[in-house]
Every structure is written in C-alpha cells, then in structure tokens.
Amino acid sequence: MTTSPKETKTENPAVFITGANGGIGREFVRLYAEAGWDLLLSGRDKSRLGQIASQYRPGIKVLILDGNINESMIVDRNGFLAHLYKVKHLILCHGDHNTGAFADATWPAILSELSTNTLASIQIIYSVYSTMREQRRGTIIHMNSVAGKRYAPGEAIYSSSKHAMAGFLQTLRPEAKQYK
C-alpha cells in the first residue's frame, strides 16, 4: 500500500532506505517489512519500488520518494517526512560507480559520482538527523565500500567519495552520542 504524507501519522516504527531497488537495499526492505516497520523508500526506478512494496502484508505503510537523489530539495522534503513518520532508522544503500580511471573520466561523470556517493548521503543524513536528535534515538547505517579504506588503481573518484563518507561518519559518531 502506498501512502502520502497527507495521511495520518504512523504507529509503526519507520525506516528510510535509499537504494531500495536491488541488492542489499532490497534485502533491508524485506527484513524491515517482515518486522512490521513502515517504509520510506528511495531508488532509481520508481515502478520497481512499487513492485517491491506491493509484496508486503497489509498494515505496512510504504511511501515511495520521487526525484533524483542529488536534488537539493531532498533535504527539506525528507526532513518533513522524517518528522512526520518519526524515522528511527536510516539506511543508505545508494551509490554510483561509473567513472573508472581518472584520466578517462568526464567532468560531469566525476561530479555525478561525488554528488551521489558523498553529498547526497550527507544531505539525507542532515534531513533526518534533527528528528532523530529530538527523539534522542536513531540508527544510521551507511553501506560503504572497502574502497573507503583502501584504494585501487583506476578508482580515484570512487575511492575518494567512499573515503570522504567514512571520515564524515567517524566524525559524526561522537557528536551524535551526546543526544542519547
């Protein structure tokens, strides 16, 4: 069942999952739906998200988010939704890996990869962080890559985007502990 923000607030705990179309993101959708959580889902293919969402039992509210994950409006919209649904868990599974060797990459491809892997992740965390802080609870899971710890030849942009997120999250962790 797909709901809109105009409907009543949820009684179930809510999770916001990005990259929910496939892979580990889709697996998180299944696990949380089976546990009775309401789902806020984001992914590249809205129709596929609808198919995924339709597989789960009645009583689970599913909200499918429109728009490119790199759009700046996502901060305000998701902040509103996080507050409305009292998001308790945020799971970031989205990502982009298409540049390859730095010398062969185009500038638009570099910007897209950095924006998706780093800036969009930080924007989404920012959009739900205040609600989690007000609730004095919340869990943020970011599915990073070993490329955030080690580099591989030909992976300069991808590795740097993952390294940036690892550094951001390691720095945010002690800051967030004060709100527990």
N, C-alpha and C. Protein backbone atom coordinates (compact mmCIF):
# COMPACT_ATOMS: atom_id res chain seq x y z
N MET A 1 0.84 -1.17 0.00
CA MET A 1 0.00 0.00 0.00
C MET A 1 0.89 1.24 0.00
N THR A 2 0.67 2.15 -0.90
CA THR A 2 1.44 3.38 -0.95
C THR A 2 0.64 4.48 -0.30
N THR A 3 1.28 5.25 0.58
CA THR A 3 0.60 6.33 1.29
C THR A 3 1.21 7.66 0.92
N SER A 4 0.53 8.71 1.28
CA SER A 4 1.07 10.05 1.05
C SER A 4 1.24 10.73 2.39
N PRO A 5 2.06 11.80 2.45
CA PRO A 5 2.27 12.49 3.72
C PRO A 5 1.00 13.09 4.29
N LYS A 6 -0.05 13.24 3.48
CA LYS A 6 -1.30 13.82 3.96
C LYS A 6 -2.07 12.87 4.85
N GLU A 7 -1.76 11.59 4.77
CA GLU A 7 -2.47 10.61 5.58
C GLU A 7 -1.98 10.69 7.02
N THR A 8 -2.67 10.01 7.91
CA THR A 8 -2.34 10.10 9.33
C THR A 8 -0.97 9.55 9.63
N LYS A 9 -0.44 10.02 10.74
CA LYS A 9 0.88 9.56 11.16
C LYS A 9 0.86 8.07 11.45
N THR A 10 2.00 7.47 11.31
CA THR A 10 2.14 6.04 11.50
C THR A 10 2.24 5.69 12.98
N GLU A 11 1.82 4.52 13.32
CA GLU A 11 2.00 3.98 14.67
C GLU A 11 3.19 3.03 14.71
N ASN A 12 3.53 2.49 13.56
CA ASN A 12 4.67 1.58 13.47
C ASN A 12 5.96 2.40 13.43
N PRO A 13 7.07 1.80 13.85
CA PRO A 13 8.35 2.49 13.63
C PRO A 13 8.60 2.60 12.13
N ALA A 14 9.36 3.61 11.73
CA ALA A 14 9.61 3.82 10.30
C ALA A 14 11.10 3.79 10.01
N VAL A 15 11.41 3.29 8.82
CA VAL A 15 12.79 3.24 8.32
C VAL A 15 12.80 3.91 6.95
N PHE A 16 13.84 4.66 6.70
CA PHE A 16 14.06 5.30 5.41
C PHE A 16 15.23 4.57 4.76
N ILE A 17 14.99 3.95 3.59
CA ILE A 17 16.00 3.15 2.90
C ILE A 17 16.24 3.74 1.51
N THR A 18 17.49 4.09 1.23
CA THR A 18 17.85 4.53 -0.12
C THR A 18 18.47 3.35 -0.86
N GLY A 19 18.41 3.41 -2.18
CA GLY A 19 18.95 2.30 -2.97
C GLY A 19 18.13 1.04 -2.76
N ALA A 20 16.82 1.22 -2.58
CA ALA A 20 15.95 0.10 -2.22
C ALA A 20 15.54 -0.77 -3.40
N ASN A 21 15.94 -0.41 -4.61
CA ASN A 21 15.56 -1.17 -5.80
C ASN A 21 16.17 -2.56 -5.88
N GLY A 22 17.35 -2.73 -5.34
CA GLY A 22 18.00 -4.02 -5.51
C GLY A 22 19.12 -4.22 -4.52
N GLY A 23 19.75 -5.37 -4.63
CA GLY A 23 20.90 -5.69 -3.79
C GLY A 23 20.59 -5.64 -2.32
N ILE A 24 21.53 -5.11 -1.55
CA ILE A 24 21.36 -5.09 -0.10
C ILE A 24 20.24 -4.16 0.33
N GLY A 25 19.99 -3.10 -0.46
CA GLY A 25 18.88 -2.20 -0.14
C GLY A 25 17.55 -2.93 -0.17
N ARG A 26 17.35 -3.73 -1.19
CA ARG A 26 16.10 -4.50 -1.30
C ARG A 26 15.99 -5.52 -0.16
N GLU A 27 17.10 -6.09 0.23
CA GLU A 27 17.10 -7.04 1.35
C GLU A 27 16.71 -6.35 2.65
N PHE A 28 17.21 -5.12 2.86
CA PHE A 28 16.79 -4.36 4.03
C PHE A 28 15.28 -4.09 3.99
N VAL A 29 14.74 -3.79 2.81
CA VAL A 29 13.30 -3.58 2.68
C VAL A 29 12.55 -4.82 3.16
N ARG A 30 12.98 -5.98 2.70
CA ARG A 30 12.31 -7.22 3.08
C ARG A 30 12.37 -7.44 4.60
N LEU A 31 13.55 -7.27 5.18
CA LEU A 31 13.72 -7.51 6.62
C LEU A 31 12.86 -6.56 7.46
N TYR A 32 12.87 -5.29 7.11
CA TYR A 32 12.09 -4.32 7.87
C TYR A 32 10.59 -4.51 7.67
N ALA A 33 10.17 -4.85 6.45
CA ALA A 33 8.74 -5.10 6.20
C ALA A 33 8.27 -6.31 6.99
N GLU A 34 9.06 -7.37 7.01
CA GLU A 34 8.70 -8.56 7.77
C GLU A 34 8.61 -8.27 9.26
N ALA A 35 9.38 -7.30 9.74
CA ALA A 35 9.35 -6.92 11.16
C ALA A 35 8.23 -5.93 11.47
N GLY A 36 7.47 -5.50 10.44
CA GLY A 36 6.33 -4.62 10.66
C GLY A 36 6.63 -3.13 10.64
N TRP A 37 7.78 -2.75 10.16
CA TRP A 37 8.14 -1.34 10.08
C TRP A 37 7.47 -0.70 8.87
N ASP A 38 7.13 0.58 8.98
CA ASP A 38 6.69 1.34 7.83
C ASP A 38 7.93 1.75 7.04
N LEU A 39 7.76 1.87 5.73
CA LEU A 39 8.89 2.04 4.83
C LEU A 39 8.82 3.36 4.05
N LEU A 40 9.88 4.13 4.08
CA LEU A 40 10.09 5.25 3.18
C LEU A 40 11.20 4.81 2.26
N LEU A 41 10.91 4.69 0.98
CA LEU A 41 11.86 4.09 0.04
C LEU A 41 12.28 5.06 -1.04
N SER A 42 13.52 4.98 -1.41
CA SER A 42 14.08 5.77 -2.48
C SER A 42 14.91 4.86 -3.36
N GLY A 43 14.81 5.06 -4.67
CA GLY A 43 15.59 4.27 -5.60
C GLY A 43 15.48 4.85 -6.99
N ARG A 44 16.29 4.36 -7.88
CA ARG A 44 16.33 4.92 -9.24
C ARG A 44 15.09 4.60 -10.06
N ASP A 45 14.44 3.50 -9.77
CA ASP A 45 13.32 3.04 -10.59
C ASP A 45 12.05 3.01 -9.74
N LYS A 46 11.25 4.06 -9.87
CA LYS A 46 10.04 4.18 -9.04
C LYS A 46 9.06 3.02 -9.29
N SER A 47 8.88 2.59 -10.53
CA SER A 47 7.94 1.50 -10.79
C SER A 47 8.41 0.20 -10.14
N ARG A 48 9.72 -0.02 -10.15
CA ARG A 48 10.26 -1.23 -9.49
C ARG A 48 10.07 -1.15 -7.98
N LEU A 49 10.22 0.05 -7.41
CA LEU A 49 9.96 0.21 -5.98
C LEU A 49 8.52 -0.14 -5.66
N GLY A 50 7.62 0.28 -6.52
CA GLY A 50 6.20 -0.05 -6.33
C GLY A 50 5.96 -1.55 -6.33
N GLN A 51 6.63 -2.26 -7.23
CA GLN A 51 6.51 -3.72 -7.27
C GLN A 51 7.06 -4.35 -6.00
N ILE A 52 8.19 -3.85 -5.54
CA ILE A 52 8.80 -4.37 -4.31
C ILE A 52 7.87 -4.13 -3.14
N ALA A 53 7.35 -2.92 -3.04
CA ALA A 53 6.48 -2.55 -1.92
C ALA A 53 5.19 -3.36 -1.90
N SER A 54 4.66 -3.71 -3.07
CA SER A 54 3.38 -4.43 -3.13
C SER A 54 3.47 -5.86 -2.61
N GLN A 55 4.68 -6.35 -2.36
CA GLN A 55 4.86 -7.72 -1.90
C GLN A 55 4.57 -7.90 -0.41
N TYR A 56 4.40 -6.82 0.33
CA TYR A 56 4.35 -6.93 1.78
C TYR A 56 2.94 -6.83 2.32
N ARG A 57 2.77 -7.34 3.52
CA ARG A 57 1.46 -7.52 4.13
C ARG A 57 0.75 -6.19 4.40
N PRO A 58 -0.58 -6.24 4.48
CA PRO A 58 -1.35 -5.05 4.82
C PRO A 58 -0.93 -4.52 6.19
N GLY A 59 -1.08 -3.23 6.38
CA GLY A 59 -0.70 -2.64 7.65
C GLY A 59 0.65 -1.96 7.59
N ILE A 60 1.44 -2.34 6.59
CA ILE A 60 2.73 -1.69 6.38
C ILE A 60 2.47 -0.51 5.46
N LYS A 61 2.83 0.67 5.90
CA LYS A 61 2.72 1.85 5.04
C LYS A 61 4.01 1.98 4.27
N VAL A 62 3.89 2.26 2.99
CA VAL A 62 5.05 2.42 2.12
C VAL A 62 4.92 3.75 1.40
N LEU A 63 5.93 4.57 1.51
CA LEU A 63 5.97 5.84 0.80
C LEU A 63 7.16 5.79 -0.14
N ILE A 64 6.90 5.95 -1.41
CA ILE A 64 7.95 5.92 -2.41
C ILE A 64 8.30 7.37 -2.76
N LEU A 65 9.56 7.71 -2.59
CA LEU A 65 10.01 9.08 -2.80
C LEU A 65 10.40 9.30 -4.24
N ASP A 66 9.91 10.39 -4.81
CA ASP A 66 10.24 10.77 -6.17
C ASP A 66 11.52 11.58 -6.20
N GLY A 67 12.09 11.69 -7.35
CA GLY A 67 13.17 12.65 -7.55
C GLY A 67 14.55 12.03 -7.54
N ASN A 68 15.44 12.73 -8.15
CA ASN A 68 16.84 12.34 -8.19
C ASN A 68 17.45 12.57 -6.82
N ILE A 69 18.20 11.61 -6.34
CA ILE A 69 18.79 11.69 -5.01
C ILE A 69 19.76 12.87 -4.88
N ASN A 70 20.21 13.42 -6.01
CA ASN A 70 21.13 14.55 -5.98
C ASN A 70 20.43 15.91 -5.95
N GLU A 71 19.10 15.94 -5.98
CA GLU A 71 18.40 17.21 -5.96
C GLU A 71 18.46 17.81 -4.55
N SER A 72 18.72 19.09 -4.47
CA SER A 72 18.85 19.73 -3.15
C SER A 72 17.53 19.76 -2.39
N MET A 73 16.39 19.71 -3.10
CA MET A 73 15.09 19.75 -2.41
C MET A 73 14.88 18.53 -1.53
N ILE A 74 15.67 17.49 -1.72
CA ILE A 74 15.50 16.28 -0.93
C ILE A 74 15.70 16.55 0.56
N VAL A 75 16.51 17.54 0.91
CA VAL A 75 16.75 17.84 2.32
C VAL A 75 15.46 18.28 3.00
N ASP A 76 14.77 19.26 2.44
CA ASP A 76 13.54 19.76 3.05
C ASP A 76 12.45 18.71 3.03
N ARG A 77 12.27 18.06 1.89
CA ARG A 77 11.20 17.08 1.76
C ARG A 77 11.42 15.91 2.71
N ASN A 78 12.64 15.39 2.77
CA ASN A 78 12.89 14.24 3.62
C ASN A 78 12.92 14.61 5.08
N GLY A 79 13.33 15.84 5.39
CA GLY A 79 13.25 16.30 6.77
C GLY A 79 11.81 16.32 7.24
N PHE A 80 10.92 16.80 6.39
CA PHE A 80 9.49 16.81 6.70
C PHE A 80 8.98 15.38 6.88
N LEU A 81 9.34 14.51 5.96
CA LEU A 81 8.87 13.13 6.04
C LEU A 81 9.44 12.40 7.25
N ALA A 82 10.71 12.66 7.56
CA ALA A 82 11.33 12.03 8.72
C ALA A 82 10.60 12.43 9.99
N HIS A 83 10.21 13.70 10.07
CA HIS A 83 9.48 14.17 11.24
C HIS A 83 8.07 13.56 11.27
N LEU A 84 7.38 13.57 10.14
CA LEU A 84 6.03 13.04 10.07
C LEU A 84 5.99 11.57 10.45
N TYR A 85 6.93 10.80 9.94
CA TYR A 85 6.92 9.36 10.16
C TYR A 85 7.78 8.93 11.35
N LYS A 86 8.40 9.88 12.03
CA LYS A 86 9.26 9.55 13.18
C LYS A 86 10.26 8.47 12.81
N VAL A 87 11.01 8.72 11.76
CA VAL A 87 12.01 7.76 11.29
C VAL A 87 12.97 7.41 12.41
N LYS A 88 13.12 6.13 12.65
CA LYS A 88 14.03 5.65 13.69
C LYS A 88 15.33 5.11 13.10
N HIS A 89 15.24 4.59 11.88
CA HIS A 89 16.43 4.05 11.22
C HIS A 89 16.56 4.66 9.83
N LEU A 90 17.78 4.99 9.46
CA LEU A 90 18.11 5.46 8.13
C LEU A 90 19.16 4.50 7.58
N ILE A 91 18.88 3.94 6.41
CA ILE A 91 19.80 3.00 5.79
C ILE A 91 20.13 3.50 4.40
N LEU A 92 21.38 3.86 4.20
CA LEU A 92 21.84 4.42 2.93
C LEU A 92 22.55 3.34 2.12
N CYS A 93 21.89 2.91 1.05
CA CYS A 93 22.45 1.86 0.19
C CYS A 93 22.66 2.36 -1.24
N HIS A 94 22.38 3.62 -1.49
CA HIS A 94 22.54 4.14 -2.85
C HIS A 94 24.02 4.33 -3.17
N GLY A 95 24.30 4.43 -4.43
CA GLY A 95 25.68 4.65 -4.83
C GLY A 95 25.82 4.73 -6.34
N ASP A 96 26.96 5.24 -6.74
CA ASP A 96 27.27 5.41 -8.15
C ASP A 96 28.73 5.04 -8.35
N HIS A 97 29.01 4.25 -9.35
CA HIS A 97 30.38 3.83 -9.63
C HIS A 97 30.52 3.67 -11.13
N ASN A 98 30.84 4.78 -11.79
CA ASN A 98 30.92 4.66 -13.24
C ASN A 98 32.05 5.43 -13.88
N THR A 99 32.95 6.02 -13.07
CA THR A 99 33.98 6.84 -13.69
C THR A 99 35.19 6.06 -14.17
N GLY A 100 35.62 5.05 -13.45
CA GLY A 100 36.83 4.32 -13.84
C GLY A 100 38.06 5.18 -13.65
N ALA A 101 39.02 5.05 -14.53
CA ALA A 101 40.28 5.79 -14.41
C ALA A 101 40.04 7.30 -14.49
N PHE A 102 40.70 8.03 -13.63
CA PHE A 102 40.52 9.48 -13.53
C PHE A 102 40.79 10.17 -14.87
N ALA A 103 41.85 9.79 -15.54
CA ALA A 103 42.22 10.44 -16.81
C ALA A 103 41.19 10.22 -17.90
N ASP A 104 40.40 9.16 -17.80
CA ASP A 104 39.41 8.85 -18.82
C ASP A 104 38.01 9.37 -18.47
N ALA A 105 37.83 9.87 -17.27
CA ALA A 105 36.50 10.30 -16.81
C ALA A 105 36.15 11.68 -17.34
N THR A 106 34.87 11.90 -17.55
CA THR A 106 34.41 13.24 -17.92
C THR A 106 34.08 14.01 -16.64
N TRP A 107 34.15 15.33 -16.72
CA TRP A 107 33.85 16.14 -15.55
C TRP A 107 32.42 15.92 -15.06
N PRO A 108 31.39 15.86 -15.93
CA PRO A 108 30.04 15.58 -15.44
C PRO A 108 29.93 14.23 -14.72
N ALA A 109 30.65 13.21 -15.21
CA ALA A 109 30.61 11.90 -14.55
C ALA A 109 31.28 11.97 -13.18
N ILE A 110 32.38 12.72 -13.08
CA ILE A 110 33.06 12.88 -11.79
C ILE A 110 32.12 13.57 -10.79
N LEU A 111 31.50 14.67 -11.22
CA LEU A 111 30.58 15.39 -10.33
C LEU A 111 29.39 14.53 -9.91
N SER A 112 28.86 13.77 -10.84
CA SER A 112 27.72 12.91 -10.52
C SER A 112 28.09 11.86 -9.48
N GLU A 113 29.24 11.23 -9.66
CA GLU A 113 29.67 10.18 -8.73
C GLU A 113 29.94 10.75 -7.34
N LEU A 114 30.65 11.88 -7.29
CA LEU A 114 30.92 12.51 -5.99
C LEU A 114 29.64 12.98 -5.32
N SER A 115 28.74 13.53 -6.11
CA SER A 115 27.48 14.03 -5.56
C SER A 115 26.63 12.90 -5.01
N THR A 116 26.50 11.84 -5.77
CA THR A 116 25.68 10.70 -5.31
C THR A 116 26.28 10.03 -4.09
N ASN A 117 27.56 9.73 -4.15
CA ASN A 117 28.19 8.94 -3.09
C ASN A 117 28.49 9.73 -1.83
N THR A 118 28.66 11.04 -1.94
CA THR A 118 29.07 11.82 -0.78
C THR A 118 28.02 12.86 -0.41
N LEU A 119 27.80 13.84 -1.29
CA LEU A 119 26.91 14.95 -0.94
C LEU A 119 25.47 14.51 -0.70
N ALA A 120 24.95 13.64 -1.54
CA ALA A 120 23.57 13.17 -1.34
C ALA A 120 23.44 12.41 -0.02
N SER A 121 24.43 11.61 0.31
CA SER A 121 24.41 10.87 1.58
C SER A 121 24.39 11.84 2.76
N ILE A 122 25.23 12.87 2.71
CA ILE A 122 25.27 13.85 3.79
C ILE A 122 23.96 14.63 3.84
N GLN A 123 23.40 14.98 2.69
CA GLN A 123 22.12 15.69 2.66
C GLN A 123 21.02 14.86 3.31
N ILE A 124 20.97 13.58 3.00
CA ILE A 124 19.92 12.73 3.56
C ILE A 124 20.11 12.56 5.06
N ILE A 125 21.34 12.37 5.50
CA ILE A 125 21.60 12.29 6.94
C ILE A 125 21.15 13.58 7.61
N TYR A 126 21.50 14.70 7.01
CA TYR A 126 21.11 16.01 7.54
C TYR A 126 19.59 16.12 7.66
N SER A 127 18.88 15.59 6.66
CA SER A 127 17.42 15.73 6.64
C SER A 127 16.72 14.93 7.73
N VAL A 128 17.32 13.88 8.24
CA VAL A 128 16.67 13.09 9.29
C VAL A 128 17.32 13.26 10.66
N TYR A 129 18.49 13.85 10.69
CA TYR A 129 19.27 13.95 11.92
C TYR A 129 18.54 14.72 13.02
N SER A 130 17.92 15.83 12.68
CA SER A 130 17.25 16.63 13.73
C SER A 130 16.09 15.86 14.36
N THR A 131 15.37 15.09 13.55
CA THR A 131 14.27 14.28 14.10
C THR A 131 14.82 13.20 15.02
N MET A 132 15.88 12.55 14.63
CA MET A 132 16.50 11.53 15.48
C MET A 132 17.02 12.17 16.77
N ARG A 133 17.57 13.34 16.66
CA ARG A 133 18.10 14.03 17.83
C ARG A 133 16.96 14.41 18.79
N GLU A 134 15.84 14.90 18.25
CA GLU A 134 14.68 15.22 19.08
C GLU A 134 14.15 13.98 19.79
N GLN A 135 14.13 12.85 19.10
CA GLN A 135 13.65 11.59 19.68
C GLN A 135 14.66 10.99 20.65
N ARG A 136 15.89 11.52 20.61
CA ARG A 136 17.01 11.01 21.39
C ARG A 136 17.29 9.54 21.07
N ARG A 137 17.01 9.19 19.84
CA ARG A 137 17.33 7.84 19.36
C ARG A 137 17.29 7.82 17.84
N GLY A 138 17.97 6.88 17.31
CA GLY A 138 18.01 6.72 15.86
C GLY A 138 19.25 5.95 15.47
N THR A 139 19.14 5.28 14.36
CA THR A 139 20.26 4.50 13.84
C THR A 139 20.48 4.89 12.40
N ILE A 140 21.74 5.16 12.07
CA ILE A 140 22.12 5.45 10.69
C ILE A 140 23.08 4.36 10.25
N ILE A 141 22.71 3.67 9.18
CA ILE A 141 23.56 2.64 8.60
C ILE A 141 23.93 3.12 7.20
N HIS A 142 25.21 3.23 6.94
CA HIS A 142 25.67 3.62 5.61
C HIS A 142 26.46 2.45 5.03
N MET A 143 25.95 1.91 3.96
CA MET A 143 26.63 0.80 3.31
C MET A 143 27.77 1.38 2.46
N ASN A 144 28.94 1.40 3.03
CA ASN A 144 30.09 1.97 2.34
C ASN A 144 30.80 0.87 1.56
N SER A 145 32.03 1.05 1.27
CA SER A 145 32.79 0.11 0.47
C SER A 145 34.20 -0.01 1.06
N VAL A 146 34.82 -1.11 0.82
CA VAL A 146 36.21 -1.27 1.24
C VAL A 146 37.07 -0.20 0.56
N ALA A 147 36.57 0.36 -0.53
CA ALA A 147 37.29 1.44 -1.21
C ALA A 147 37.42 2.68 -0.32
N GLY A 148 36.62 2.75 0.73
CA GLY A 148 36.74 3.84 1.68
C GLY A 148 37.94 3.68 2.61
N LYS A 149 38.51 2.50 2.66
CA LYS A 149 39.68 2.22 3.49
C LYS A 149 40.93 1.96 2.66
N ARG A 150 40.73 1.38 1.50
CA ARG A 150 41.86 1.04 0.62
C ARG A 150 41.58 1.62 -0.76
N TYR A 151 42.61 1.92 -1.45
CA TYR A 151 42.43 2.42 -2.81
C TYR A 151 42.77 1.33 -3.81
N ALA A 152 42.26 1.51 -4.99
CA ALA A 152 42.57 0.59 -6.08
C ALA A 152 42.94 1.43 -7.30
N PRO A 153 43.95 1.04 -8.02
CA PRO A 153 44.29 1.79 -9.23
C PRO A 153 43.08 1.91 -10.16
N GLY A 154 42.92 3.09 -10.72
CA GLY A 154 41.79 3.32 -11.62
C GLY A 154 40.49 3.64 -10.91
N GLU A 155 40.53 3.84 -9.60
CA GLU A 155 39.31 4.08 -8.82
C GLU A 155 39.41 5.36 -7.99
N ALA A 156 40.12 6.37 -8.48
CA ALA A 156 40.38 7.58 -7.68
C ALA A 156 39.10 8.27 -7.23
N ILE A 157 38.15 8.45 -8.10
CA ILE A 157 36.93 9.19 -7.74
C ILE A 157 36.07 8.35 -6.81
N TYR A 158 35.83 7.11 -7.18
CA TYR A 158 35.01 6.24 -6.33
C TYR A 158 35.63 6.10 -4.95
N SER A 159 36.92 5.79 -4.89
CA SER A 159 37.57 5.61 -3.59
C SER A 159 37.55 6.88 -2.76
N SER A 160 37.77 8.02 -3.38
CA SER A 160 37.75 9.27 -2.61
C SER A 160 36.36 9.57 -2.08
N SER A 161 35.32 9.26 -2.84
CA SER A 161 33.95 9.50 -2.36
C SER A 161 33.63 8.60 -1.17
N LYS A 162 34.08 7.38 -1.20
CA LYS A 162 33.83 6.45 -0.10
C LYS A 162 34.70 6.79 1.11
N HIS A 163 35.92 7.25 0.86
CA HIS A 163 36.79 7.67 1.95
C HIS A 163 36.20 8.89 2.65
N ALA A 164 35.66 9.82 1.89
CA ALA A 164 35.03 11.01 2.47
C ALA A 164 33.87 10.62 3.38
N MET A 165 33.04 9.68 2.97
CA MET A 165 31.91 9.27 3.81
C MET A 165 32.39 8.56 5.07
N ALA A 166 33.41 7.75 4.96
CA ALA A 166 33.95 7.08 6.15
C ALA A 166 34.42 8.12 7.15
N GLY A 167 35.13 9.13 6.68
CA GLY A 167 35.61 10.19 7.57
C GLY A 167 34.47 10.99 8.17
N PHE A 168 33.47 11.32 7.37
CA PHE A 168 32.31 12.06 7.86
C PHE A 168 31.60 11.29 8.97
N LEU A 169 31.32 10.03 8.73
CA LEU A 169 30.58 9.23 9.72
C LEU A 169 31.39 8.98 10.98
N GLN A 170 32.69 8.78 10.85
CA GLN A 170 33.52 8.60 12.05
C GLN A 170 33.55 9.87 12.89
N THR A 171 33.47 11.02 12.24
CA THR A 171 33.44 12.30 12.95
C THR A 171 32.07 12.57 13.55
N LEU A 172 31.02 12.18 12.87
CA LEU A 172 29.65 12.41 13.36
C LEU A 172 29.32 11.53 14.56
N ARG A 173 29.85 10.32 14.61
CA ARG A 173 29.51 9.36 15.66
C ARG A 173 29.66 9.94 17.07
N PRO A 174 30.82 10.51 17.45
CA PRO A 174 30.94 11.04 18.82
C PRO A 174 30.04 12.26 19.05
N GLU A 175 29.79 13.04 18.01
CA GLU A 175 28.88 14.18 18.15
C GLU A 175 27.47 13.70 18.46
N ALA A 176 27.04 12.64 17.79
CA ALA A 176 25.68 12.13 17.99
C ALA A 176 25.49 11.47 19.35
N LYS A 177 26.54 10.94 19.94
CA LYS A 177 26.41 10.25 21.24
C LYS A 177 25.86 11.15 22.34
N GLN A 178 26.10 12.45 22.25
CA GLN A 178 25.62 13.36 23.28
C GLN A 178 24.09 13.43 23.34
N TYR A 179 23.41 12.95 22.31
CA TYR A 179 21.95 13.03 22.26
C TYR A 179 21.28 11.74 22.72
N LYS A 180 22.04 10.78 23.19
CA LYS A 180 21.44 9.52 23.67
C LYS A 180 20.92 9.68 25.05
